[in-house]
Amino acid sequence: MSAVSEDSPAEKAGVRRGDVITSIDGQAVKDSNSLRNSVSRLKPGSTVGLTLWRGGQEKQVSVRLAEMPRTAKDDSSAPAERGTPGALGLALQKGDSGLEVTGVDPSGPAADAGIRVGDVLEEINGTPVRSSSDVHAALGKSKGKPALVLVRRGDQTLYVAVPERAA
């Protein structure tokens, strides 16, 4: 887990940042996409067993699932406005040195460019980004061209060119 949301079912069950979820209800989890897909097929209110790998040891926890809270600002079903993180196909969360990628739309331009969950966006078009408004301002500099995004992945940094979604 690259991040665990405060007061989320995962946090309440004891899941921590850095845990690796290896199975859900006995079914192997191959990657973050298979985890997301498995959880999305389950009903809110149901309880699932997770097998975690933490600090070199396997750990079992039970999580009671809840409905994912939605706000107008974060509603992923709403059309993305140009100049927003959604225009790149990303869900972002404020981190220590940038914006951590917490979700990547598999059909979005960021996925096509190779941006992954857990990456940290440090700059867009030469502008440091620490908030959605920073992203909006930085993407305004693109003027219809792909955004040049400085990404930190682990202890590496790389530049990635990411076109915005069509408006």
C-alpha atoms as a PDB file:
ATOM      1  CA  MET A   1       0.000   0.000   0.000  1.00  0.00           C
ATOM      2  CA  SER A   2       1.465   3.324  -0.998  1.00  0.00           C
ATOM      3  CA  ALA A   3      -1.095   5.165   1.139  1.00  0.00           C
ATOM      4  CA  VAL A   4      -3.875   4.318   3.580  1.00  0.00           C
ATOM      5  CA  SER A   5      -6.622   6.914   3.943  1.00  0.00           C
ATOM      6  CA  GLU A   6      -7.440   8.210   7.403  1.00  0.00           C
ATOM      7  CA  ASP A   7     -10.570   6.628   8.951  1.00  0.00           C
ATOM      8  CA  SER A   8     -10.850   4.200   6.015  1.00  0.00           C
ATOM      9  CA  PRO A   9     -11.870   0.565   6.531  1.00  0.00           C
ATOM     10  CA  ALA A  10      -8.283  -0.442   5.733  1.00  0.00           C
ATOM     11  CA  GLU A  11      -6.862   1.859   8.425  1.00  0.00           C
ATOM     12  CA  LYS A  12      -9.434   0.645  10.958  1.00  0.00           C
ATOM     13  CA  ALA A  13      -8.400  -2.962  10.200  1.00  0.00           C
ATOM     14  CA  GLY A  14      -4.735  -2.142  10.794  1.00  0.00           C
ATOM     15  CA  VAL A  15      -3.490  -1.952   7.196  1.00  0.00           C
ATOM     16  CA  ARG A  16      -0.447   0.333   7.004  1.00  0.00           C
ATOM     17  CA  ARG A  17       1.480   2.152   4.330  1.00  0.00           C
ATOM     18  CA  GLY A  18       4.104  -0.245   3.005  1.00  0.00           C
ATOM     19  CA  ASP A  19       1.978  -3.375   3.497  1.00  0.00           C
ATOM     20  CA  VAL A  20       1.778  -5.651   0.472  1.00  0.00           C
ATOM     21  CA  ILE A  21      -1.634  -7.279   0.045  1.00  0.00           C
ATOM     22  CA  THR A  22      -0.984 -10.783  -1.262  1.00  0.00           C
ATOM     23  CA  SER A  23      -4.524 -12.190  -1.177  1.00  0.00           C
ATOM     24  CA  ILE A  24      -8.124 -11.218  -0.591  1.00  0.00           C
ATOM     25  CA  ASP A  25     -10.418 -13.948   0.750  1.00  0.00           C
ATOM     26  CA  GLY A  26      -7.826 -16.530  -0.254  1.00  0.00           C
ATOM     27  CA  GLN A  27      -7.553 -15.345  -3.869  1.00  0.00           C
ATOM     28  CA  ALA A  28      -4.055 -14.248  -4.905  1.00  0.00           C
ATOM     29  CA  VAL A  29      -3.580 -10.554  -5.685  1.00  0.00           C
ATOM     30  CA  LYS A  30      -1.237 -10.190  -8.661  1.00  0.00           C
ATOM     31  CA  ASP A  31      -1.049  -6.391  -8.796  1.00  0.00           C
ATOM     32  CA  SER A  32      -2.883  -3.200  -7.787  1.00  0.00           C
ATOM     33  CA  ASN A  33      -5.315  -3.564 -10.699  1.00  0.00           C
ATOM     34  CA  SER A  34      -6.390  -7.058  -9.636  1.00  0.00           C
ATOM     35  CA  LEU A  35      -6.819  -5.811  -6.044  1.00  0.00           C
ATOM     36  CA  ARG A  36      -8.965  -2.892  -7.176  1.00  0.00           C
ATOM     37  CA  ASN A  37     -11.043  -5.135  -9.442  1.00  0.00           C
ATOM     38  CA  SER A  38     -11.558  -7.735  -6.704  1.00  0.00           C
ATOM     39  CA  VAL A  39     -12.677  -5.122  -4.170  1.00  0.00           C
ATOM     40  CA  SER A  40     -14.975  -3.409  -6.689  1.00  0.00           C
ATOM     41  CA  ARG A  41     -16.924  -6.674  -7.125  1.00  0.00           C
ATOM     42  CA  LEU A  42     -17.685  -6.866  -3.385  1.00  0.00           C
ATOM     43  CA  LYS A  43     -20.620  -5.235  -1.609  1.00  0.00           C
ATOM     44  CA  PRO A  44     -20.172  -2.436   0.927  1.00  0.00           C
ATOM     45  CA  GLY A  45     -20.762  -3.836   4.412  1.00  0.00           C
ATOM     46  CA  SER A  46     -19.233  -7.229   3.604  1.00  0.00           C
ATOM     47  CA  THR A  47     -16.177  -8.416   5.504  1.00  0.00           C
ATOM     48  CA  VAL A  48     -13.130  -9.739   3.659  1.00  0.00           C
ATOM     49  CA  GLY A  49      -9.948 -11.390   4.830  1.00  0.00           C
ATOM     50  CA  LEU A  50      -6.687  -9.895   3.638  1.00  0.00           C
ATOM     51  CA  THR A  51      -3.302 -11.537   3.737  1.00  0.00           C
ATOM     52  CA  LEU A  52      -0.572  -8.917   4.104  1.00  0.00           C
ATOM     53  CA  TRP A  53       3.186  -9.026   3.874  1.00  0.00           C
ATOM     54  CA  ARG A  54       4.678  -6.643   6.456  1.00  0.00           C
ATOM     55  CA  GLY A  55       8.267  -6.482   7.600  1.00  0.00           C
ATOM     56  CA  GLY A  56       9.117  -9.920   6.271  1.00  0.00           C
ATOM     57  CA  GLN A  57       6.120 -11.613   7.877  1.00  0.00           C
ATOM     58  CA  GLU A  58       2.668 -12.643   6.727  1.00  0.00           C
ATOM     59  CA  LYS A  59      -0.268 -11.113   8.608  1.00  0.00           C
ATOM     60  CA  GLN A  60      -4.028 -11.734   8.401  1.00  0.00           C
ATOM     61  CA  VAL A  61      -6.588  -8.946   8.865  1.00  0.00           C
ATOM     62  CA  SER A  62     -10.346  -8.656   8.372  1.00  0.00           C
ATOM     63  CA  VAL A  63     -11.750  -5.559   6.716  1.00  0.00           C
ATOM     64  CA  ARG A  64     -15.381  -4.502   6.718  1.00  0.00           C
ATOM     65  CA  LEU A  65     -15.879  -2.730   3.376  1.00  0.00           C
ATOM     66  CA  ALA A  66     -17.643   0.604   3.114  1.00  0.00           C
ATOM     67  CA  GLU A  67     -18.989   2.720   0.280  1.00  0.00           C
ATOM     68  CA  MET A  68     -16.265   4.895  -1.208  1.00  0.00           C
ATOM     69  CA  PRO A  69     -17.075   8.492  -0.285  1.00  0.00           C
ATOM     70  CA  ARG A  70     -17.631  10.772  -3.271  1.00  0.00           C
ATOM     71  CA  THR A  71     -17.592  14.497  -3.525  1.00  0.00           C
ATOM     72  CA  ALA A  72     -18.332  16.689  -6.515  1.00  0.00           C
ATOM     73  CA  LYS A  73     -14.655  17.669  -6.553  1.00  0.00           C
ATOM     74  CA  ASP A  74     -13.359  14.085  -6.600  1.00  0.00           C
ATOM     75  CA  ASP A  75     -16.158  12.354  -8.540  1.00  0.00           C
ATOM     76  CA  SER A  76     -14.300  10.177 -11.035  1.00  0.00           C
ATOM     77  CA  SER A  77     -17.507   9.657 -13.035  1.00  0.00           C
ATOM     78  CA  ALA A  78     -17.723  13.376 -13.777  1.00  0.00           C
ATOM     79  CA  PRO A  79     -16.163  14.537 -17.047  1.00  0.00           C
ATOM     80  CA  ALA A  80     -12.632  15.792 -16.555  1.00  0.00           C
ATOM     81  CA  GLU A  81     -12.050  19.494 -17.033  1.00  0.00           C
ATOM     82  CA  ARG A  82      -8.978  20.540 -18.952  1.00  0.00           C
ATOM     83  CA  GLY A  83      -6.208  21.573 -16.598  1.00  0.00           C
ATOM     84  CA  THR A  84      -7.222  19.240 -13.752  1.00  0.00           C
ATOM     85  CA  PRO A  85      -5.573  16.021 -12.516  1.00  0.00           C
ATOM     86  CA  GLY A  86      -8.561  14.196 -14.039  1.00  0.00           C
ATOM     87  CA  ALA A  87      -7.597  15.608 -17.435  1.00  0.00           C
ATOM     88  CA  LEU A  88      -4.463  13.484 -17.158  1.00  0.00           C
ATOM     89  CA  GLY A  89      -6.392  10.458 -15.876  1.00  0.00           C
ATOM     90  CA  LEU A  90      -4.952  10.689 -12.355  1.00  0.00           C
ATOM     91  CA  ALA A  91      -6.164  10.703  -8.764  1.00  0.00           C
ATOM     92  CA  LEU A  92      -3.667  12.544  -6.570  1.00  0.00           C
ATOM     93  CA  GLN A  93      -2.997  12.998  -2.853  1.00  0.00           C
ATOM     94  CA  LYS A  94      -0.737  15.559  -1.214  1.00  0.00           C
ATOM     95  CA  GLY A  95       2.596  14.056  -0.214  1.00  0.00           C
ATOM     96  CA  ASP A  96       5.769  15.311   1.446  1.00  0.00           C
ATOM     97  CA  SER A  97       7.502  16.441  -1.732  1.00  0.00           C
ATOM     98  CA  GLY A  98       4.762  16.531  -4.358  1.00  0.00           C
ATOM     99  CA  LEU A  99       1.504  14.865  -5.298  1.00  0.00           C
ATOM    100  CA  GLU A 100       1.326  11.109  -4.859  1.00  0.00           C
ATOM    101  CA  VAL A 101      -0.517   9.188  -7.561  1.00  0.00           C
ATOM    102  CA  THR A 102      -3.261   7.177  -5.830  1.00  0.00           C
ATOM    103  CA  GLY A 103      -5.129   6.162  -8.979  1.00  0.00           C
ATOM    104  CA  VAL A 104      -4.484   5.954 -12.703  1.00  0.00           C
ATOM    105  CA  ASP A 105      -7.310   5.677 -15.247  1.00  0.00           C
ATOM    106  CA  PRO A 106      -6.139   2.739 -17.389  1.00  0.00           C
ATOM    107  CA  SER A 107      -7.595   4.416 -20.478  1.00  0.00           C
ATOM    108  CA  GLY A 108      -6.151   7.841 -19.637  1.00  0.00           C
ATOM    109  CA  PRO A 109      -3.125   9.630 -21.044  1.00  0.00           C
ATOM    110  CA  ALA A 110      -1.066   9.246 -17.838  1.00  0.00           C
ATOM    111  CA  ALA A 111      -1.395   5.439 -18.043  1.00  0.00           C
ATOM    112  CA  ASP A 112      -0.352   5.560 -21.693  1.00  0.00           C
ATOM    113  CA  ALA A 113       2.703   7.607 -20.654  1.00  0.00           C
ATOM    114  CA  GLY A 114       3.660   5.020 -17.995  1.00  0.00           C
ATOM    115  CA  ILE A 115       2.719   6.894 -14.802  1.00  0.00           C
ATOM    116  CA  ARG A 116       1.895   4.414 -12.007  1.00  0.00           C
ATOM    117  CA  VAL A 117       0.178   4.379  -8.631  1.00  0.00           C
ATOM    118  CA  GLY A 118       2.814   5.317  -6.048  1.00  0.00           C
ATOM    119  CA  ASP A 119       4.669   7.714  -8.347  1.00  0.00           C
ATOM    120  CA  VAL A 120       5.092  11.251  -6.999  1.00  0.00           C
ATOM    121  CA  LEU A 121       4.562  14.218  -9.323  1.00  0.00           C
ATOM    122  CA  GLU A 122       7.087  16.878  -8.393  1.00  0.00           C
ATOM    123  CA  GLU A 123       6.758  19.315 -11.310  1.00  0.00           C
ATOM    124  CA  ILE A 124       4.596  19.902 -14.349  1.00  0.00           C
ATOM    125  CA  ASN A 125       6.022  22.083 -17.118  1.00  0.00           C
ATOM    126  CA  GLY A 126       8.783  23.259 -14.773  1.00  0.00           C
ATOM    127  CA  THR A 127       6.368  24.329 -12.021  1.00  0.00           C
ATOM    128  CA  PRO A 128       6.470  22.551  -8.627  1.00  0.00           C
ATOM    129  CA  VAL A 129       3.082  20.954  -7.856  1.00  0.00           C
ATOM    130  CA  ARG A 130       1.739  20.525  -4.315  1.00  0.00           C
ATOM    131  CA  SER A 131      -2.031  20.942  -4.898  1.00  0.00           C
ATOM    132  CA  SER A 132      -4.762  20.613  -7.536  1.00  0.00           C
ATOM    133  CA  SER A 133      -4.574  24.347  -8.150  1.00  0.00           C
ATOM    134  CA  ASP A 134      -0.820  23.985  -8.847  1.00  0.00           C
ATOM    135  CA  VAL A 135      -1.644  21.256 -11.388  1.00  0.00           C
ATOM    136  CA  HIS A 136      -4.271  23.475 -13.002  1.00  0.00           C
ATOM    137  CA  ALA A 137      -1.853  26.403 -13.310  1.00  0.00           C
ATOM    138  CA  ALA A 138       0.994  24.229 -14.588  1.00  0.00           C
ATOM    139  CA  LEU A 139      -1.181  22.505 -17.193  1.00  0.00           C
ATOM    140  CA  GLY A 140      -2.244  25.945 -18.433  1.00  0.00           C
ATOM    141  CA  LYS A 141       1.338  26.344 -19.647  1.00  0.00           C
ATOM    142  CA  SER A 142       0.950  23.341 -21.981  1.00  0.00           C
ATOM    143  CA  LYS A 143      -1.113  25.286 -24.544  1.00  0.00           C
ATOM    144  CA  GLY A 144      -2.374  22.107 -26.217  1.00  0.00           C
ATOM    145  CA  LYS A 145       0.996  20.343 -26.112  1.00  0.00           C
ATOM    146  CA  PRO A 146       1.847  17.375 -23.875  1.00  0.00           C
ATOM    147  CA  ALA A 147       2.700  18.316 -20.292  1.00  0.00           C
ATOM    148  CA  LEU A 148       6.280  17.631 -19.226  1.00  0.00           C
ATOM    149  CA  VAL A 149       5.940  15.915 -15.834  1.00  0.00           C
ATOM    150  CA  LEU A 150       8.823  15.304 -13.415  1.00  0.00           C
ATOM    151  CA  VAL A 151       8.037  11.996 -11.690  1.00  0.00           C
ATOM    152  CA  ARG A 152       9.785  10.473  -8.686  1.00  0.00           C
ATOM    153  CA  ARG A 153       9.543   6.685  -8.671  1.00  0.00           C
ATOM    154  CA  GLY A 154      11.269   5.234  -5.651  1.00  0.00           C
ATOM    155  CA  ASP A 155      14.760   6.728  -5.665  1.00  0.00           C
ATOM    156  CA  GLN A 156      14.670   7.602  -9.377  1.00  0.00           C
ATOM    157  CA  THR A 157      13.350  10.717 -11.087  1.00  0.00           C
ATOM    158  CA  LEU A 158      12.306  10.878 -14.713  1.00  0.00           C
ATOM    159  CA  TYR A 159      10.536  13.210 -17.096  1.00  0.00           C
ATOM    160  CA  VAL A 160       7.396  11.967 -18.801  1.00  0.00           C
ATOM    161  CA  ALA A 161       5.443  13.716 -21.587  1.00  0.00           C
ATOM    162  CA  VAL A 162       1.697  13.385 -20.899  1.00  0.00           C
ATOM    163  CA  PRO A 163      -0.940  14.709 -23.315  1.00  0.00           C
ATOM    164  CA  GLU A 164      -4.170  16.002 -21.765  1.00  0.00           C
ATOM    165  CA  ARG A 165      -7.458  14.291 -22.526  1.00  0.00           C
ATOM    166  CA  ALA A 166      -9.520  15.963 -25.199  1.00  0.00           C
ATOM    167  CA  ALA A 167     -11.983  18.392 -23.615  1.00  0.00           C
END
